[in-house]
Amino acid sequence: MNAKVALIGSGNAFFMDEGIGLYVGKYLKENFTYEPALDIVDGGTLGFRLMPLLQEYEHVLIANTSSDDSKAVGTITVMSGDELIASQGIKKTANEVEITEMLQICSMANHCAETTMISIVPEDIISVCVDVTPALRAHWERYIDVIVEELAQYGITSTRKSDVMNLDEILEQFANPSIEYGKGF
């Protein structure tokens, strides 16, 4: 497959579990190699700046939280962009609203990436803290596995490096950004 694929880690690192998409992006960037190449983007809370990414790539995977109160904490959902638009998505946080709206707008453009949202239900998106709750930590490896499996659906082979950066090291970089660590990402 020669398509351009991007993984966008989305969320807000200042609000506990809300940053998990960012942490996943950093974890995948630091701990795996990809064939063919994969662009991993710090999506933060991009809002309208998500639009050019959805128009530039053939395939986009977005890793983030989904504040779905009807599902148990740690539930992982894989949803196509079309499914997200049809269901109007979960819109509990500003980031969730912006992703759904950008997909709606881009779906009317000449080109919109085939988009997949891989989300996990958070426990705490209110506490101001760069961390992940124990409940989400318990689902961390499965969340990584689901994303790697989804990348394989797009023809991306993910190979784990021998020297792995763990979640706590990633959280430390987000909590104490520096030029050396690319401001966390």
Protein backbone atom coordinates (compact mmCIF):
# COMPACT_ATOMS: atom_id res chain seq x y z
CA MET A 1 0.00 0.00 0.00
CA ASN A 2 1.48 3.36 -1.04
CA ALA A 3 -1.05 5.57 0.72
CA LYS A 4 0.03 8.30 3.07
CA VAL A 5 -0.99 7.38 6.59
CA ALA A 6 -0.91 9.53 9.72
CA LEU A 7 -1.61 8.74 13.35
CA ILE A 8 -2.81 11.79 15.24
CA GLY A 9 -2.53 11.68 19.02
CA SER A 10 -5.24 14.01 20.25
CA GLY A 11 -6.12 15.41 23.65
CA ASN A 12 -5.15 17.81 26.39
CA ALA A 13 -2.22 16.71 28.58
CA PHE A 14 -3.27 19.07 31.38
CA PHE A 15 -6.48 17.18 32.21
CA MET A 16 -5.48 13.72 33.45
CA ASP A 17 -6.85 10.99 31.11
CA GLU A 18 -7.76 13.55 28.42
CA GLY A 19 -4.10 13.47 27.32
CA ILE A 20 -3.95 9.74 26.60
CA GLY A 21 -4.07 10.24 22.81
CA LEU A 22 -0.96 12.40 23.07
CA TYR A 23 0.78 9.82 25.26
CA VAL A 24 -0.09 7.04 22.82
CA GLY A 25 1.33 9.06 19.92
CA LYS A 26 4.57 9.69 21.80
CA TYR A 27 4.77 6.03 22.91
CA LEU A 28 4.30 4.77 19.36
CA LYS A 29 6.77 7.30 17.99
CA GLU A 30 9.48 6.36 20.50
CA ASN A 31 8.99 2.60 20.71
CA PHE A 32 8.23 1.34 17.19
CA THR A 33 9.52 1.51 13.64
CA TYR A 34 7.07 1.43 10.72
CA GLU A 35 7.13 0.01 7.23
CA PRO A 36 6.05 1.79 5.15
CA ALA A 37 6.59 5.09 6.93
CA LEU A 38 3.96 6.44 9.28
CA ASP A 39 3.62 10.11 10.21
CA ILE A 40 2.83 10.53 13.90
CA VAL A 41 1.39 13.95 14.68
CA ASP A 42 0.92 15.71 18.02
CA GLY A 43 -2.72 16.63 17.54
CA GLY A 44 -3.18 18.25 20.93
CA THR A 45 -6.40 20.19 20.69
CA LEU A 46 -5.99 21.18 17.05
CA GLY A 47 -9.49 22.41 16.26
CA PHE A 48 -9.50 23.92 12.76
CA ARG A 49 -5.82 23.02 12.30
CA LEU A 50 -6.99 19.40 12.01
CA MET A 51 -8.53 20.22 8.63
CA PRO A 52 -5.34 20.29 6.50
CA LEU A 53 -4.25 16.97 8.01
CA LEU A 54 -7.54 15.38 7.03
CA GLN A 55 -7.05 16.70 3.50
CA GLU A 56 -3.33 15.90 3.15
CA TYR A 57 -3.35 12.19 4.01
CA GLU A 58 -5.12 9.24 2.44
CA HIS A 59 -5.68 7.55 5.83
CA VAL A 60 -5.78 9.14 9.28
CA LEU A 61 -6.08 7.34 12.60
CA ILE A 62 -6.96 9.52 15.57
CA ALA A 63 -6.15 8.27 19.08
CA ASN A 64 -8.07 10.02 21.85
CA THR A 65 -10.57 9.70 24.67
CA SER A 66 -14.30 9.36 24.22
CA SER A 67 -16.32 10.61 27.17
CA ASP A 68 -19.11 8.09 26.66
CA ASP A 69 -20.90 7.69 29.99
CA SER A 70 -22.81 4.68 28.64
CA LYS A 71 -19.58 2.62 28.46
CA ALA A 72 -17.23 1.36 31.16
CA VAL A 73 -13.95 3.18 31.82
CA GLY A 74 -11.26 1.65 29.61
CA THR A 75 -13.64 0.58 26.84
CA ILE A 76 -11.84 0.90 23.51
CA THR A 77 -13.87 1.81 20.44
CA VAL A 78 -12.78 1.80 16.82
CA MET A 79 -15.08 3.92 14.68
CA SER A 80 -14.83 5.14 11.10
CA GLY A 81 -15.11 8.83 10.37
CA ASP A 82 -18.41 8.17 8.58
CA GLU A 83 -19.78 6.38 11.67
CA LEU A 84 -18.63 9.26 13.87
CA ILE A 85 -20.35 11.82 11.64
CA ALA A 86 -23.56 9.77 11.44
CA SER A 87 -23.73 9.33 15.20
CA GLN A 88 -22.72 12.96 15.80
CA GLY A 89 -19.94 11.60 18.01
CA ILE A 90 -19.45 12.15 21.70
CA LYS A 91 -19.22 15.88 22.36
CA LYS A 92 -18.46 16.25 26.03
CA THR A 93 -15.10 18.05 25.68
CA ALA A 94 -14.08 20.85 23.31
CA ASN A 95 -11.63 18.46 21.65
CA GLU A 96 -14.38 15.90 20.94
CA VAL A 97 -16.59 18.63 19.43
CA GLU A 98 -13.78 19.90 17.20
CA ILE A 99 -12.85 16.47 15.82
CA THR A 100 -16.45 15.68 14.85
CA GLU A 101 -16.95 19.12 13.31
CA MET A 102 -13.73 18.96 11.28
CA LEU A 103 -14.73 15.53 9.93
CA GLN A 104 -18.13 16.94 8.94
CA ILE A 105 -16.57 19.93 7.17
CA CYS A 106 -13.86 17.90 5.42
CA SER A 107 -16.35 15.28 4.27
CA MET A 108 -17.81 17.99 2.01
CA ALA A 109 -14.42 18.86 0.49
CA ASN A 110 -12.85 17.38 -2.64
CA HIS A 111 -10.68 15.11 -0.51
CA CYS A 112 -11.01 13.85 3.01
CA ALA A 113 -8.82 11.14 4.44
CA GLU A 114 -10.37 7.82 5.28
CA THR A 115 -10.47 8.42 9.01
CA THR A 116 -10.61 6.01 11.93
CA MET A 117 -11.09 7.10 15.52
CA ILE A 118 -9.59 4.80 18.16
CA SER A 119 -10.84 6.05 21.48
CA ILE A 120 -10.81 4.92 25.07
CA VAL A 121 -13.32 5.88 27.76
CA PRO A 122 -11.52 7.95 30.42
CA GLU A 123 -12.10 7.96 34.15
CA ASP A 124 -11.02 11.54 34.89
CA ILE A 125 -10.80 14.42 32.41
CA ILE A 126 -11.34 17.15 34.98
CA SER A 127 -8.38 16.95 37.37
CA VAL A 128 -5.56 19.27 36.34
CA CYS A 129 -2.63 16.88 36.29
CA VAL A 130 -0.31 15.38 33.69
CA ASP A 131 -0.99 11.74 34.49
CA VAL A 132 -3.20 8.75 33.69
CA THR A 133 -5.58 7.20 36.21
CA PRO A 134 -4.88 3.64 37.42
CA ALA A 135 -8.05 2.55 35.60
CA LEU A 136 -6.66 3.65 32.23
CA ARG A 137 -3.17 2.38 33.02
CA ALA A 138 -4.76 -1.07 33.36
CA HIS A 139 -5.90 -0.80 29.70
CA TRP A 140 -2.75 0.88 28.32
CA GLU A 141 -1.16 -2.15 26.62
CA ARG A 142 -4.46 -3.24 25.09
CA TYR A 143 -5.00 0.29 23.73
CA ILE A 144 -1.54 0.19 22.12
CA ASP A 145 -2.28 -3.28 20.67
CA VAL A 146 -5.60 -2.14 19.16
CA ILE A 147 -3.89 0.81 17.46
CA VAL A 148 -1.07 -1.38 16.10
CA GLU A 149 -3.70 -3.85 14.80
CA GLU A 150 -5.57 -1.01 13.12
CA LEU A 151 -2.35 0.26 11.51
CA ALA A 152 -1.88 -3.24 10.07
CA GLN A 153 -5.28 -2.86 8.37
CA TYR A 154 -3.70 0.01 6.42
CA GLY A 155 -0.65 -2.04 5.47
CA ILE A 156 1.63 -0.57 8.16
CA THR A 157 3.92 -3.07 9.88
CA SER A 158 4.86 -1.93 13.38
CA THR A 159 8.04 -3.37 14.87
CA ARG A 160 8.77 -2.81 18.55
CA LYS A 161 12.24 -1.48 19.32
CA SER A 162 14.39 -3.30 21.87
CA ASP A 163 14.84 -0.24 24.11
CA VAL A 164 11.37 0.90 25.15
CA MET A 165 10.32 4.20 26.75
CA ASN A 166 7.60 3.46 29.32
CA LEU A 167 4.46 5.44 30.07
CA ASP A 168 5.92 7.12 33.16
CA GLU A 169 8.88 8.44 31.14
CA ILE A 170 6.47 9.83 28.55
CA LEU A 171 4.36 11.50 31.23
CA GLU A 172 7.53 13.05 32.69
CA GLN A 173 8.35 14.61 29.31
CA PHE A 174 4.85 16.08 28.98
CA ALA A 175 4.94 17.38 32.56
CA ASN A 176 8.39 18.96 32.03
CA PRO A 177 8.66 19.88 28.36
CA SER A 178 12.02 20.94 27.01
CA ILE A 179 13.67 21.64 23.71
CA GLU A 180 15.64 18.41 24.14
CA TYR A 181 12.43 16.38 24.16
CA GLY A 182 10.55 18.39 21.56
CA LYS A 183 8.26 19.98 24.15
CA GLY A 184 6.97 16.56 25.13
CA PHE A 185 6.26 15.14 21.69
